[in-house]
Amino acid sequence: MQNLTVKQQSILQTLQEFIANKSENPNVYKLHKYTEGIGGRDSLKSISQVIEALEKKELIARDEKRRIYIVENKNYADLQSCFSVPLYGLASCGEALAYAEDNIDGYLQVSKSLFRKSDPANLFAVKALGDSMNKDNVGDGDYVIFEKFDGHSDSDMEGKIVVAVINGMATIKRFKKVGGGVIGLFPNSTNKTHQPIFIHENDSILIAGIFRRVLPVKYVSI
């Protein structure tokens, strides 16, 4: 599975667009000028470094005149059969200790066949931190895919694993209403030191997404 950074994803898409629009293969300089023309701010050096990284991933190749070609091998075919899921900062599987980052850290390339019932535009990933959900097969360092929650009804979340943001901190837990306006975010772990988090429904809490799938870190190449 290919894992591209935000910049690698952007430059590869720009290269595809250049080739489609101009019916030619650019060198790095031409690609840089094209990127500038559509409002990009990456320097020539920065684009050169990205091209070298994409070359190492065997997604592109260059000829003797340094023109850039997309390599339609298995890596590219795999990429075409996938879609990009934005990867955000770490989310704690213990107490709500890890900041929920607004900035995207990168993208995971995920097979379309894994999410036939979900709109790819509504999916995002976070990297789990800790072991408080390991009985639900969410391990420390695993990538967890969530679907954005539209906020229509709390009943849609009842009993489900969610990623919740509390005072700017993210945590992965199972959502349950316990009565009296109290919400419980429950761990499910072999480690008995983990305790539920209890908050009032009027407290500052955002349910960012509902669990869809875990991708164990050992199966994801960086």
Protein backbone atom coordinates (compact mmCIF):
# COMPACT_ATOMS: atom_id res chain seq x y z
CA MET A 1 0.00 0.00 0.00
CA GLN A 2 1.45 3.34 -1.03
CA ASN A 3 1.42 6.15 1.51
CA LEU A 4 2.05 9.59 0.02
CA THR A 5 2.67 12.83 1.85
CA VAL A 6 0.39 15.77 1.18
CA LYS A 7 2.99 17.34 -1.10
CA GLN A 8 3.70 14.09 -2.99
CA GLN A 9 -0.02 13.60 -3.57
CA SER A 10 -0.39 17.18 -4.80
CA ILE A 11 2.60 17.06 -7.18
CA LEU A 12 1.54 13.69 -8.61
CA GLN A 13 -1.95 15.05 -9.29
CA THR A 14 -0.46 18.17 -10.89
CA LEU A 15 1.75 15.98 -13.10
CA GLN A 16 -1.29 13.96 -14.20
CA GLU A 17 -3.14 17.20 -14.96
CA PHE A 18 -0.19 18.62 -16.94
CA ILE A 19 0.09 15.49 -19.11
CA ALA A 20 -3.69 15.36 -19.68
CA ASN A 21 -3.96 19.05 -20.61
CA LYS A 22 -0.81 19.47 -22.69
CA SER A 23 -0.29 15.97 -24.11
CA GLU A 24 3.40 16.11 -23.26
CA ASN A 25 5.69 15.02 -20.46
CA PRO A 26 7.35 17.88 -18.58
CA ASN A 27 10.76 18.13 -17.01
CA VAL A 28 10.95 19.47 -13.46
CA TYR A 29 11.36 23.08 -14.64
CA LYS A 30 8.23 22.94 -16.83
CA LEU A 31 6.27 21.28 -14.05
CA HIS A 32 7.40 24.02 -11.66
CA LYS A 33 6.30 26.77 -14.07
CA TYR A 34 2.95 25.03 -14.58
CA THR A 35 2.49 24.76 -10.81
CA GLU A 36 3.23 28.49 -10.44
CA GLY A 37 0.67 29.21 -13.14
CA ILE A 38 -2.10 27.54 -11.18
CA GLY A 39 -1.21 29.30 -7.93
CA GLY A 40 1.29 26.85 -6.43
CA ARG A 41 4.04 28.19 -4.18
CA ASP A 42 6.48 25.28 -4.12
CA SER A 43 10.03 26.15 -5.11
CA LEU A 44 11.86 24.43 -7.94
CA LYS A 45 14.05 22.67 -5.36
CA SER A 46 11.03 21.47 -3.41
CA ILE A 47 9.38 20.02 -6.52
CA SER A 48 12.66 18.36 -7.51
CA GLN A 49 12.81 16.64 -4.12
CA VAL A 50 9.22 15.41 -4.46
CA ILE A 51 9.91 14.07 -7.95
CA GLU A 52 12.91 12.14 -6.59
CA ALA A 53 10.71 10.67 -3.84
CA LEU A 54 8.03 9.63 -6.35
CA GLU A 55 10.76 8.08 -8.50
CA LYS A 56 11.93 5.99 -5.53
CA LYS A 57 8.34 4.83 -5.03
CA GLU A 58 8.39 3.74 -8.71
CA LEU A 59 5.36 5.88 -9.51
CA ILE A 60 7.25 7.95 -12.09
CA ALA A 61 10.36 7.66 -14.26
CA ARG A 62 12.51 10.08 -16.27
CA ASP A 63 14.09 9.62 -19.67
CA GLU A 64 17.50 10.82 -20.88
CA LYS A 65 16.06 14.31 -21.44
CA ARG A 66 14.73 14.32 -17.85
CA ARG A 67 11.11 14.30 -18.99
CA ILE A 68 8.81 12.82 -16.37
CA TYR A 69 6.55 9.86 -17.10
CA ILE A 70 3.95 8.16 -14.95
CA VAL A 71 4.93 4.50 -14.61
CA GLU A 72 1.86 2.35 -15.16
CA ASN A 73 3.13 -0.64 -13.22
CA LYS A 74 1.60 -2.44 -10.25
CA ASN A 75 2.34 0.48 -7.93
CA TYR A 76 0.44 2.88 -10.19
CA ALA A 77 -2.38 0.38 -10.73
CA ASP A 78 -2.67 -0.03 -6.98
CA LEU A 79 -2.81 3.74 -6.61
CA GLN A 80 -5.54 4.00 -9.26
CA SER A 81 -7.65 1.35 -7.49
CA CYS A 82 -7.36 3.34 -4.27
CA PHE A 83 -8.55 6.64 -2.95
CA SER A 84 -6.82 9.06 -0.62
CA VAL A 85 -7.87 9.27 3.03
CA PRO A 86 -6.52 12.30 4.93
CA LEU A 87 -4.45 11.37 7.97
CA TYR A 88 -4.72 13.60 11.03
CA GLY A 89 -2.74 13.75 14.26
CA LEU A 90 -2.55 11.11 16.97
CA ALA A 91 -5.69 10.24 18.91
CA SER A 92 -5.31 8.80 22.37
CA CYS A 93 -6.66 5.36 23.21
CA GLY A 94 -6.09 6.11 26.86
CA GLU A 95 -7.13 9.35 28.51
CA ALA A 96 -7.75 12.26 26.18
CA LEU A 97 -4.10 13.26 26.09
CA ALA A 98 -3.17 13.76 22.43
CA TYR A 99 -4.01 16.95 20.62
CA ALA A 100 -6.44 16.65 17.74
CA GLU A 101 -4.51 18.34 14.93
CA ASP A 102 -6.38 20.50 12.42
CA ASN A 103 -3.61 20.06 9.87
CA ILE A 104 -3.42 17.00 7.67
CA ASP A 105 -0.26 14.95 8.28
CA GLY A 106 -0.49 13.04 5.00
CA TYR A 107 -2.70 10.64 3.09
CA LEU A 108 -3.31 6.91 3.24
CA GLN A 109 -4.02 5.18 -0.06
CA VAL A 110 -6.90 2.83 0.68
CA SER A 111 -8.50 0.22 -1.57
CA LYS A 112 -11.93 1.21 -2.84
CA SER A 113 -13.14 -2.34 -2.22
CA LEU A 114 -12.77 -1.86 1.55
CA PHE A 115 -15.35 0.94 1.72
CA ARG A 116 -18.06 0.17 -0.81
CA LYS A 117 -20.82 1.59 1.42
CA SER A 118 -19.04 4.80 2.42
CA ASP A 119 -18.50 8.05 0.57
CA PRO A 120 -14.71 8.44 0.32
CA ALA A 121 -15.09 12.20 0.77
CA ASN A 122 -16.43 11.61 4.29
CA LEU A 123 -13.62 9.34 5.48
CA PHE A 124 -10.54 10.32 7.46
CA ALA A 125 -7.84 8.49 9.40
CA VAL A 126 -6.13 8.99 12.74
CA LYS A 127 -3.20 7.12 14.23
CA ALA A 128 -4.13 5.47 17.51
CA LEU A 129 -2.01 6.06 20.60
CA GLY A 130 -2.26 3.60 23.49
CA ASP A 131 -3.96 0.28 24.19
CA SER A 132 -7.31 1.14 25.76
CA MET A 133 -9.22 -0.20 22.73
CA ASN A 134 -7.13 -3.29 22.03
CA LYS A 135 -10.02 -5.68 22.69
CA ASP A 136 -11.66 -4.04 19.67
CA ASN A 137 -8.46 -4.75 17.71
CA VAL A 138 -7.30 -1.13 17.81
CA GLY A 139 -3.62 -1.36 18.71
CA ASP A 140 -1.05 1.27 19.58
CA GLY A 141 0.11 2.91 16.34
CA ASP A 142 -2.66 1.46 14.17
CA TYR A 143 -4.42 3.60 11.58
CA VAL A 144 -8.14 3.94 12.31
CA ILE A 145 -10.59 4.99 9.60
CA PHE A 146 -13.62 7.03 10.64
CA GLU A 147 -16.60 8.44 8.78
CA LYS A 148 -17.45 12.05 9.55
CA PHE A 149 -20.42 12.36 11.88
CA ASP A 150 -23.14 14.68 10.59
CA GLY A 151 -24.48 15.41 14.08
CA HIS A 152 -28.11 14.61 13.29
CA SER A 153 -28.81 12.25 16.20
CA ASP A 154 -26.97 10.92 19.24
CA SER A 155 -28.78 7.62 18.72
CA ASP A 156 -26.64 7.11 15.61
CA MET A 157 -23.60 6.89 17.91
CA GLU A 158 -24.99 4.82 20.76
CA GLY A 159 -22.73 1.85 21.47
CA LYS A 160 -20.38 2.67 18.60
CA ILE A 161 -16.67 3.43 18.59
CA VAL A 162 -16.10 7.12 17.92
CA VAL A 163 -13.29 9.62 17.85
CA ALA A 164 -14.28 12.40 20.21
CA VAL A 165 -12.61 15.78 20.63
CA ILE A 166 -12.83 17.16 24.16
CA ASN A 167 -11.39 20.64 24.75
CA GLY A 168 -9.18 20.24 21.70
CA MET A 169 -8.00 16.73 22.65
CA ALA A 170 -8.91 13.60 20.69
CA THR A 171 -9.72 10.18 22.07
CA ILE A 172 -11.01 6.91 20.59
CA LYS A 173 -13.69 5.29 22.77
CA ARG A 174 -17.09 3.60 22.72
CA PHE A 175 -19.95 6.10 23.07
CA LYS A 176 -22.78 5.37 25.52
CA LYS A 177 -25.41 7.54 27.20
CA VAL A 178 -25.62 6.67 30.89
CA GLY A 179 -28.58 8.88 31.88
CA GLY A 180 -29.08 12.27 33.44
CA GLY A 181 -27.46 14.02 30.51
CA VAL A 182 -24.20 12.15 31.10
CA ILE A 183 -22.19 10.64 28.25
CA GLY A 184 -19.67 7.88 28.86
CA LEU A 185 -16.69 7.21 26.60
CA PHE A 186 -15.68 3.66 27.45
CA PRO A 187 -12.39 1.81 26.88
CA ASN A 188 -12.30 -1.88 25.93
CA SER A 189 -8.90 -3.16 26.91
CA THR A 190 -6.96 -6.02 28.42
CA ASN A 191 -5.22 -3.29 30.43
CA LYS A 192 -7.52 -2.75 33.41
CA THR A 193 -5.92 0.58 34.37
CA HIS A 194 -7.99 2.37 31.72
CA GLN A 195 -11.13 4.09 33.01
CA PRO A 196 -14.16 5.58 31.25
CA ILE A 197 -14.39 9.30 30.58
CA PHE A 198 -17.67 10.86 31.78
CA ILE A 199 -18.85 14.21 30.49
CA HIS A 200 -22.12 16.13 30.43
CA GLU A 201 -23.88 16.46 27.10
CA ASN A 202 -23.62 20.26 27.44
CA ASP A 203 -19.84 20.14 27.82
CA SER A 204 -17.51 21.05 24.99
CA ILE A 205 -17.38 17.80 23.01
CA LEU A 206 -17.28 17.09 19.29
CA ILE A 207 -17.91 13.63 17.90
CA ALA A 208 -15.69 13.93 14.85
CA GLY A 209 -16.38 10.52 13.38
CA ILE A 210 -17.75 7.00 13.73
CA PHE A 211 -15.46 3.97 13.41
CA ARG A 212 -15.39 2.16 10.08
CA ARG A 213 -12.19 0.08 9.98
CA VAL A 214 -8.77 -0.36 11.55
CA LEU A 215 -5.65 -0.77 9.43
CA PRO A 216 -2.95 -2.43 11.57
CA VAL A 217 0.28 -0.45 11.36
CA LYS A 218 2.25 -3.52 10.24
CA TYR A 219 0.26 -3.57 6.99
CA VAL A 220 0.76 0.11 6.16
CA SER A 221 4.00 1.17 4.48
CA ILE A 222 5.31 4.66 5.18
